[in-house]
């Protein structure tokens, strides 16, 4: 398959929830059931998440608009996944 519709998010506040991530991407067409949060070896949030959009073009739009925007006092880095 061609370009991916999934974005990796890095730098999440450790207390961030699935709802926080959904709020961050409000206005973009993503699949809420496919949001995945990374968990470290200690069982706590790794500060990473993966969010899947309905199309590669929608993922690109979110990536361009939301990269390095803030959630709380952290800024988030977004990366395209293939």
PDB file of N, CA and C in Angstrom:
ATOM      1  N   UNK A   1       0.847  -1.197   0.000  1.00  0.00           N
ATOM      2  CA  UNK A   1       0.000   0.000   0.000  1.00  0.00           C
ATOM      3  C   UNK A   1       0.872   1.232   0.000  1.00  0.00           C
ATOM      4  N   UNK A   2       0.362   2.309  -0.524  1.00  0.00           N
ATOM      5  CA  UNK A   2       1.097   3.567  -0.613  1.00  0.00           C
ATOM      6  C   UNK A   2       1.202   4.249   0.731  1.00  0.00           C
ATOM      7  N   UNK A   3       1.273   5.571   0.736  1.00  0.00           N
ATOM      8  CA  UNK A   3       1.501   6.352   1.958  1.00  0.00           C
ATOM      9  C   UNK A   3       0.570   5.948   3.082  1.00  0.00           C
ATOM     10  N   UNK A   4       1.102   6.015   4.292  1.00  0.00           N
ATOM     11  CA  UNK A   4       0.324   5.564   5.443  1.00  0.00           C
ATOM     12  C   UNK A   4      -0.668   6.580   5.937  1.00  0.00           C
ATOM     13  N   UNK A   5      -1.686   6.100   6.632  1.00  0.00           N
ATOM     14  CA  UNK A   5      -2.666   6.985   7.250  1.00  0.00           C
ATOM     15  C   UNK A   5      -2.455   7.090   8.750  1.00  0.00           C
ATOM     16  N   UNK A   6      -1.342   6.538   9.255  1.00  0.00           N
ATOM     17  CA  UNK A   6      -1.093   6.557  10.696  1.00  0.00           C
ATOM     18  C   UNK A   6       0.044   7.516  11.019  1.00  0.00           C
ATOM     19  N   UNK A   7      -0.155   8.266  12.098  1.00  0.00           N
ATOM     20  CA  UNK A   7       0.846   9.214  12.594  1.00  0.00           C
ATOM     21  C   UNK A   7       1.293   8.753  13.969  1.00  0.00           C
ATOM     22  N   UNK A   8       2.607   8.824  14.202  1.00  0.00           N
ATOM     23  CA  UNK A   8       3.158   8.597  15.542  1.00  0.00           C
ATOM     24  C   UNK A   8       3.265   9.955  16.229  1.00  0.00           C
ATOM     25  N   UNK A   9       2.815  10.005  17.468  1.00  0.00           N
ATOM     26  CA  UNK A   9       2.879  11.219  18.284  1.00  0.00           C
ATOM     27  C   UNK A   9       3.916  10.968  19.371  1.00  0.00           C
ATOM     28  N   UNK A  10       4.844  11.901  19.548  1.00  0.00           N
ATOM     29  CA  UNK A  10       5.860  11.768  20.590  1.00  0.00           C
ATOM     30  C   UNK A  10       5.856  13.022  21.453  1.00  0.00           C
ATOM     31  N   UNK A  11       6.095  12.837  22.758  1.00  0.00           N
ATOM     32  CA  UNK A  11       6.170  13.975  23.671  1.00  0.00           C
ATOM     33  C   UNK A  11       4.900  14.210  24.465  1.00  0.00           C
ATOM     34  N   UNK A  12       3.980  13.231  24.463  1.00  0.00           N
ATOM     35  CA  UNK A  12       2.736  13.396  25.217  1.00  0.00           C
ATOM     36  C   UNK A  12       3.019  13.563  26.711  1.00  0.00           C
ATOM     37  N   UNK A  13       2.238  14.418  27.383  1.00  0.00           N
ATOM     38  CA  UNK A  13       2.332  14.444  28.846  1.00  0.00           C
ATOM     39  C   UNK A  13       2.010  13.044  29.379  1.00  0.00           C
ATOM     40  N   UNK A  14       2.677  12.636  30.447  1.00  0.00           N
ATOM     41  CA  UNK A  14       2.485  11.276  30.945  1.00  0.00           C
ATOM     42  C   UNK A  14       1.071  11.034  31.444  1.00  0.00           C
ATOM     43  N   UNK A  15       0.351  12.086  31.785  1.00  0.00           N
ATOM     44  CA  UNK A  15      -1.029  11.939  32.240  1.00  0.00           C
ATOM     45  C   UNK A  15      -2.042  12.019  31.091  1.00  0.00           C
ATOM     46  N   UNK A  16      -1.567  12.157  29.872  1.00  0.00           N
ATOM     47  CA  UNK A  16      -2.478  12.282  28.727  1.00  0.00           C
ATOM     48  C   UNK A  16      -3.343  11.030  28.596  1.00  0.00           C
ATOM     49  N   UNK A  17      -4.593  11.245  28.206  1.00  0.00           N
ATOM     50  CA  UNK A  17      -5.549  10.153  28.018  1.00  0.00           C
ATOM     51  C   UNK A  17      -5.909  10.030  26.539  1.00  0.00           C
ATOM     52  N   UNK A  18      -6.631   8.972  26.206  1.00  0.00           N
ATOM     53  CA  UNK A  18      -7.136   8.834  24.841  1.00  0.00           C
ATOM     54  C   UNK A  18      -7.997  10.026  24.462  1.00  0.00           C
ATOM     55  N   UNK A  19      -8.796  10.520  25.416  1.00  0.00           N
ATOM     56  CA  UNK A  19      -9.647  11.683  25.131  1.00  0.00           C
ATOM     57  C   UNK A  19      -8.820  12.921  24.834  1.00  0.00           C
ATOM     58  N   UNK A  20      -7.692  13.093  25.548  1.00  0.00           N
ATOM     59  CA  UNK A  20      -6.813  14.236  25.283  1.00  0.00           C
ATOM     60  C   UNK A  20      -6.279  14.179  23.850  1.00  0.00           C
ATOM     61  N   UNK A  21      -5.908  12.981  23.428  1.00  0.00           N
ATOM     62  CA  UNK A  21      -5.387  12.820  22.071  1.00  0.00           C
ATOM     63  C   UNK A  21      -6.481  13.104  21.049  1.00  0.00           C
ATOM     64  N   UNK A  22      -7.679  12.586  21.299  1.00  0.00           N
ATOM     65  CA  UNK A  22      -8.805  12.843  20.397  1.00  0.00           C
ATOM     66  C   UNK A  22      -9.092  14.344  20.318  1.00  0.00           C
ATOM     67  N   UNK A  23      -9.033  15.033  21.475  1.00  0.00           N
ATOM     68  CA  UNK A  23      -9.265  16.485  21.485  1.00  0.00           C
ATOM     69  C   UNK A  23      -8.200  17.214  20.668  1.00  0.00           C
ATOM     70  N   UNK A  24      -6.946  16.770  20.782  1.00  0.00           N
ATOM     71  CA  UNK A  24      -5.836  17.400  20.064  1.00  0.00           C
ATOM     72  C   UNK A  24      -6.067  17.337  18.557  1.00  0.00           C
ATOM     73  N   UNK A  25      -6.677  16.244  18.095  1.00  0.00           N
ATOM     74  CA  UNK A  25      -6.923  16.061  16.656  1.00  0.00           C
ATOM     75  C   UNK A  25      -8.365  16.338  16.251  1.00  0.00           C
ATOM     76  N   UNK A  26      -9.114  17.044  17.101  1.00  0.00           N
ATOM     77  CA  UNK A  26     -10.491  17.395  16.763  1.00  0.00           C
ATOM     78  C   UNK A  26     -10.508  18.187  15.451  1.00  0.00           C
ATOM     79  N   UNK A  27     -11.458  17.844  14.573  1.00  0.00           N
ATOM     80  CA  UNK A  27     -11.545  18.537  13.288  1.00  0.00           C
ATOM     81  C   UNK A  27     -10.889  17.760  12.157  1.00  0.00           C
ATOM     82  N   UNK A  28     -10.201  16.676  12.496  1.00  0.00           N
ATOM     83  CA  UNK A  28      -9.592  15.802  11.488  1.00  0.00           C
ATOM     84  C   UNK A  28     -10.339  14.475  11.499  1.00  0.00           C
ATOM     85  N   UNK A  29     -10.358  13.811  10.354  1.00  0.00           N
ATOM     86  CA  UNK A  29     -11.062  12.528  10.254  1.00  0.00           C
ATOM     87  C   UNK A  29     -10.120  11.401  10.654  1.00  0.00           C
ATOM     88  N   UNK A  30     -10.258  10.947  11.895  1.00  0.00           N
ATOM     89  CA  UNK A  30      -9.458   9.827  12.371  1.00  0.00           C
ATOM     90  C   UNK A  30     -10.383   8.757  12.925  1.00  0.00           C
ATOM     91  N   UNK A  31      -9.817   7.602  13.237  1.00  0.00           N
ATOM     92  CA  UNK A  31     -10.591   6.460  13.722  1.00  0.00           C
ATOM     93  C   UNK A  31     -10.334   6.340  15.228  1.00  0.00           C
ATOM     94  N   UNK A  32     -11.281   6.819  16.069  1.00  0.00           N
ATOM     95  CA  UNK A  32     -11.028   6.852  17.515  1.00  0.00           C
ATOM     96  C   UNK A  32     -10.667   5.494  18.097  1.00  0.00           C
ATOM     97  N   UNK A  33     -11.260   4.431  17.558  1.00  0.00           N
ATOM     98  CA  UNK A  33     -11.011   3.094  18.105  1.00  0.00           C
ATOM     99  C   UNK A  33      -9.575   2.628  17.856  1.00  0.00           C
ATOM    100  N   UNK A  34      -8.878   3.275  16.918  1.00  0.00           N
ATOM    101  CA  UNK A  34      -7.526   2.846  16.562  1.00  0.00           C
ATOM    102  C   UNK A  34      -6.436   3.696  17.210  1.00  0.00           C
ATOM    103  N   UNK A  35      -6.786   4.592  18.126  1.00  0.00           N
ATOM    104  CA  UNK A  35      -5.753   5.327  18.857  1.00  0.00           C
ATOM    105  C   UNK A  35      -5.050   4.328  19.783  1.00  0.00           C
ATOM    106  N   UNK A  36      -3.743   4.288  19.699  1.00  0.00           N
ATOM    107  CA  UNK A  36      -2.956   3.393  20.557  1.00  0.00           C
ATOM    108  C   UNK A  36      -1.958   4.227  21.338  1.00  0.00           C
ATOM    109  N   UNK A  37      -1.874   3.966  22.631  1.00  0.00           N
ATOM    110  CA  UNK A  37      -0.919   4.673  23.475  1.00  0.00           C
ATOM    111  C   UNK A  37       0.204   3.718  23.853  1.00  0.00           C
ATOM    112  N   UNK A  38       1.434   4.213  23.776  1.00  0.00           N
ATOM    113  CA  UNK A  38       2.590   3.403  24.145  1.00  0.00           C
ATOM    114  C   UNK A  38       2.692   3.258  25.655  1.00  0.00           C
ATOM    115  N   UNK A  39       3.086   2.074  26.089  1.00  0.00           N
ATOM    116  CA  UNK A  39       3.268   1.788  27.512  1.00  0.00           C
ATOM    117  C   UNK A  39       4.707   1.338  27.723  1.00  0.00           C
ATOM    118  N   UNK A  40       5.366   1.960  28.693  1.00  0.00           N
ATOM    119  CA  UNK A  40       6.746   1.590  28.997  1.00  0.00           C
ATOM    120  C   UNK A  40       6.819   0.297  29.789  1.00  0.00           C
ATOM    121  N   UNK A  41       8.047  -0.172  30.025  1.00  0.00           N
ATOM    122  CA  UNK A  41       8.272  -1.421  30.756  1.00  0.00           C
ATOM    123  C   UNK A  41       7.697  -1.353  32.171  1.00  0.00           C
ATOM    124  N   UNK A  42       7.598  -0.144  32.725  1.00  0.00           N
ATOM    125  CA  UNK A  42       7.072   0.015  34.094  1.00  0.00           C
ATOM    126  C   UNK A  42       5.553   0.109  34.121  1.00  0.00           C
ATOM    127  N   UNK A  43       4.907  -0.021  32.946  1.00  0.00           N
ATOM    128  CA  UNK A  43       3.449   0.026  32.892  1.00  0.00           C
ATOM    129  C   UNK A  43       2.880   1.419  32.779  1.00  0.00           C
ATOM    130  N   UNK A  44       3.749   2.433  32.775  1.00  0.00           N
ATOM    131  CA  UNK A  44       3.278   3.812  32.635  1.00  0.00           C
ATOM    132  C   UNK A  44       3.363   4.246  31.175  1.00  0.00           C
ATOM    133  N   UNK A  45       2.712   5.344  30.873  1.00  0.00           N
ATOM    134  CA  UNK A  45       2.722   5.864  29.505  1.00  0.00           C
ATOM    135  C   UNK A  45       4.147   6.149  29.051  1.00  0.00           C
ATOM    136  N   UNK A  46       4.432   5.813  27.813  1.00  0.00           N
ATOM    137  CA  UNK A  46       5.755   6.090  27.236  1.00  0.00           C
ATOM    138  C   UNK A  46       5.822   7.498  26.657  1.00  0.00           C
ATOM    139  N   UNK A  47       4.690   8.203  26.621  1.00  0.00           N
ATOM    140  CA  UNK A  47       4.670   9.524  25.999  1.00  0.00           C
ATOM    141  C   UNK A  47       4.506   9.457  24.492  1.00  0.00           C
ATOM    142  N   UNK A  48       4.221   8.262  23.969  1.00  0.00           N
ATOM    143  CA  UNK A  48       4.013   8.083  22.542  1.00  0.00           C
ATOM    144  C   UNK A  48       2.618   7.534  22.285  1.00  0.00           C
ATOM    145  N   UNK A  49       2.112   7.830  21.100  1.00  0.00           N
ATOM    146  CA  UNK A  49       0.829   7.277  20.687  1.00  0.00           C
ATOM    147  C   UNK A  49       0.814   7.186  19.170  1.00  0.00           C
ATOM    148  N   UNK A  50      -0.109   6.392  18.665  1.00  0.00           N
ATOM    149  CA  UNK A  50      -0.308   6.244  17.225  1.00  0.00           C
ATOM    150  C   UNK A  50      -1.781   6.508  16.946  1.00  0.00           C
ATOM    151  N   UNK A  51      -2.033   7.324  15.933  1.00  0.00           N
ATOM    152  CA  UNK A  51      -3.415   7.659  15.573  1.00  0.00           C
ATOM    153  C   UNK A  51      -3.595   7.421  14.086  1.00  0.00           C
ATOM    154  N   UNK A  52      -4.670   6.732  13.737  1.00  0.00           N
ATOM    155  CA  UNK A  52      -4.928   6.366  12.342  1.00  0.00           C
ATOM    156  C   UNK A  52      -6.053   7.232  11.782  1.00  0.00           C
ATOM    157  N   UNK A  53      -5.777   7.835  10.645  1.00  0.00           N
ATOM    158  CA  UNK A  53      -6.737   8.709   9.967  1.00  0.00           C
ATOM    159  C   UNK A  53      -7.455   7.937   8.868  1.00  0.00           C
ATOM    160  N   UNK A  54      -8.530   8.539   8.353  1.00  0.00           N
ATOM    161  CA  UNK A  54      -9.352   7.839   7.369  1.00  0.00           C
ATOM    162  C   UNK A  54      -8.691   7.776   5.997  1.00  0.00           C
ATOM    163  N   UNK A  55      -7.651   8.580   5.770  1.00  0.00           N
ATOM    164  CA  UNK A  55      -6.943   8.550   4.488  1.00  0.00           C
ATOM    165  C   UNK A  55      -5.539   9.112   4.687  1.00  0.00           C
ATOM    166  N   UNK A  56      -4.625   8.742   3.790  1.00  0.00           N
ATOM    167  CA  UNK A  56      -3.279   9.319   3.874  1.00  0.00           C
ATOM    168  C   UNK A  56      -3.286  10.842   3.758  1.00  0.00           C
ATOM    169  N   UNK A  57      -4.173  11.397   2.934  1.00  0.00           N
ATOM    170  CA  UNK A  57      -4.196  12.858   2.777  1.00  0.00           C
ATOM    171  C   UNK A  57      -4.647  13.538   4.067  1.00  0.00           C
ATOM    172  N   UNK A  58      -5.566  12.912   4.789  1.00  0.00           N
ATOM    173  CA  UNK A  58      -6.017  13.483   6.064  1.00  0.00           C
ATOM    174  C   UNK A  58      -4.891  13.398   7.102  1.00  0.00           C
ATOM    175  N   UNK A  59      -4.145  12.293   7.094  1.00  0.00           N
ATOM    176  CA  UNK A  59      -2.999  12.168   7.996  1.00  0.00           C
ATOM    177  C   UNK A  59      -1.972  13.256   7.700  1.00  0.00           C
ATOM    178  N   UNK A  60      -1.712  13.506   6.431  1.00  0.00           N
ATOM    179  CA  UNK A  60      -0.751  14.539   6.045  1.00  0.00           C
ATOM    180  C   UNK A  60      -1.227  15.911   6.488  1.00  0.00           C
ATOM    181  N   UNK A  61      -2.509  16.186   6.335  1.00  0.00           N
ATOM    182  CA  UNK A  61      -3.070  17.479   6.744  1.00  0.00           C
ATOM    183  C   UNK A  61      -2.886  17.684   8.252  1.00  0.00           C
ATOM    184  N   UNK A  62      -3.187  16.664   9.037  1.00  0.00           N
ATOM    185  CA  UNK A  62      -3.025  16.758  10.486  1.00  0.00           C
ATOM    186  C   UNK A  62      -1.555  16.933  10.850  1.00  0.00           C
ATOM    187  N   UNK A  63      -0.696  16.197  10.174  1.00  0.00           N
ATOM    188  CA  UNK A  63       0.746  16.286  10.431  1.00  0.00           C
ATOM    189  C   UNK A  63       1.261  17.698  10.173  1.00  0.00           C
ATOM    190  N   UNK A  64       0.853  18.277   9.057  1.00  0.00           N
ATOM    191  CA  UNK A  64       1.316  19.620   8.699  1.00  0.00           C
ATOM    192  C   UNK A  64       0.799  20.664   9.692  1.00  0.00           C
ATOM    193  N   UNK A  65      -0.470  20.519  10.104  1.00  0.00           N
ATOM    194  CA  UNK A  65      -1.095  21.543  10.958  1.00  0.00           C
ATOM    195  C   UNK A  65      -0.706  21.413  12.420  1.00  0.00           C
ATOM    196  N   UNK A  66      -0.579  20.191  12.913  1.00  0.00           N
ATOM    197  CA  UNK A  66      -0.496  19.968  14.361  1.00  0.00           C
ATOM    198  C   UNK A  66       0.909  19.653  14.871  1.00  0.00           C
ATOM    199  N   UNK A  67       1.886  19.405  13.971  1.00  0.00           N
ATOM    200  CA  UNK A  67       3.243  19.114  14.427  1.00  0.00           C
ATOM    201  C   UNK A  67       3.777  20.281  15.248  1.00  0.00           C
ATOM    202  N   UNK A  68       4.372  19.958  16.396  1.00  0.00           N
ATOM    203  CA  UNK A  68       4.977  20.926  17.316  1.00  0.00           C
ATOM    204  C   UNK A  68       3.966  21.861  17.983  1.00  0.00           C
ATOM    205  N   UNK A  69       2.692  21.485  17.963  1.00  0.00           N
ATOM    206  CA  UNK A  69       1.693  22.209  18.744  1.00  0.00           C
ATOM    207  C   UNK A  69       1.718  21.653  20.168  1.00  0.00           C
ATOM    208  N   UNK A  70       1.183  22.436  21.098  1.00  0.00           N
ATOM    209  CA  UNK A  70       1.291  22.060  22.506  1.00  0.00           C
ATOM    210  C   UNK A  70       0.083  21.308  23.026  1.00  0.00           C
ATOM    211  N   UNK A  71       0.367  20.380  23.943  1.00  0.00           N
ATOM    212  CA  UNK A  71      -0.662  19.747  24.778  1.00  0.00           C
ATOM    213  C   UNK A  71      -0.185  19.988  26.205  1.00  0.00           C
ATOM    214  N   UNK A  72      -0.938  20.792  26.936  1.00  0.00           N
ATOM    215  CA  UNK A  72      -0.471  21.180  28.255  1.00  0.00           C
ATOM    216  C   UNK A  72       0.821  21.974  28.105  1.00  0.00           C
ATOM    217  N   UNK A  73       1.842  21.610  28.857  1.00  0.00           N
ATOM    218  CA  UNK A  73       3.105  22.341  28.761  1.00  0.00           C
ATOM    219  C   UNK A  73       4.133  21.601  27.912  1.00  0.00           C
ATOM    220  N   UNK A  74       3.684  20.594  27.163  1.00  0.00           N
ATOM    221  CA  UNK A  74       4.584  19.828  26.295  1.00  0.00           C
ATOM    222  C   UNK A  74       4.230  20.139  24.842  1.00  0.00           C
ATOM    223  N   UNK A  75       5.253  20.199  23.984  1.00  0.00           N
ATOM    224  CA  UNK A  75       4.922  20.275  22.555  1.00  0.00           C
ATOM    225  C   UNK A  75       5.108  18.893  21.962  1.00  0.00           C
ATOM    226  N   UNK A  76       4.229  18.561  21.049  1.00  0.00           N
ATOM    227  CA  UNK A  76       4.176  17.219  20.485  1.00  0.00           C
ATOM    228  C   UNK A  76       4.878  17.194  19.130  1.00  0.00           C
ATOM    229  N   UNK A  77       5.628  16.132  18.914  1.00  0.00           N
ATOM    230  CA  UNK A  77       6.237  15.901  17.602  1.00  0.00           C
ATOM    231  C   UNK A  77       5.438  14.808  16.900  1.00  0.00           C
ATOM    232  N   UNK A  78       5.144  15.033  15.642  1.00  0.00           N
ATOM    233  CA  UNK A  78       4.358  14.078  14.859  1.00  0.00           C
ATOM    234  C   UNK A  78       5.221  13.521  13.735  1.00  0.00           C
ATOM    235  N   UNK A  79       5.065  12.237  13.489  1.00  0.00           N
ATOM    236  CA  UNK A  79       5.841  11.556  12.453  1.00  0.00           C
ATOM    237  C   UNK A  79       4.907  10.692  11.617  1.00  0.00           C
ATOM    238  N   UNK A  80       5.118  10.689  10.303  1.00  0.00           N
ATOM    239  CA  UNK A  80       4.354   9.800   9.433  1.00  0.00           C
ATOM    240  C   UNK A  80       4.839   8.377   9.626  1.00  0.00           C
ATOM    241  N   UNK A  81       3.920   7.429   9.678  1.00  0.00           N
ATOM    242  CA  UNK A  81       4.239   5.993   9.733  1.00  0.00           C
ATOM    243  C   UNK A  81       3.818   5.390   8.401  1.00  0.00           C
ATOM    244  N   UNK A  82       4.530   4.365   7.978  1.00  0.00           N
ATOM    245  CA  UNK A  82       4.134   3.690   6.734  1.00  0.00           C
ATOM    246  C   UNK A  82       3.511   2.346   7.034  1.00  0.00           C
TER     247      UNK A  82
END
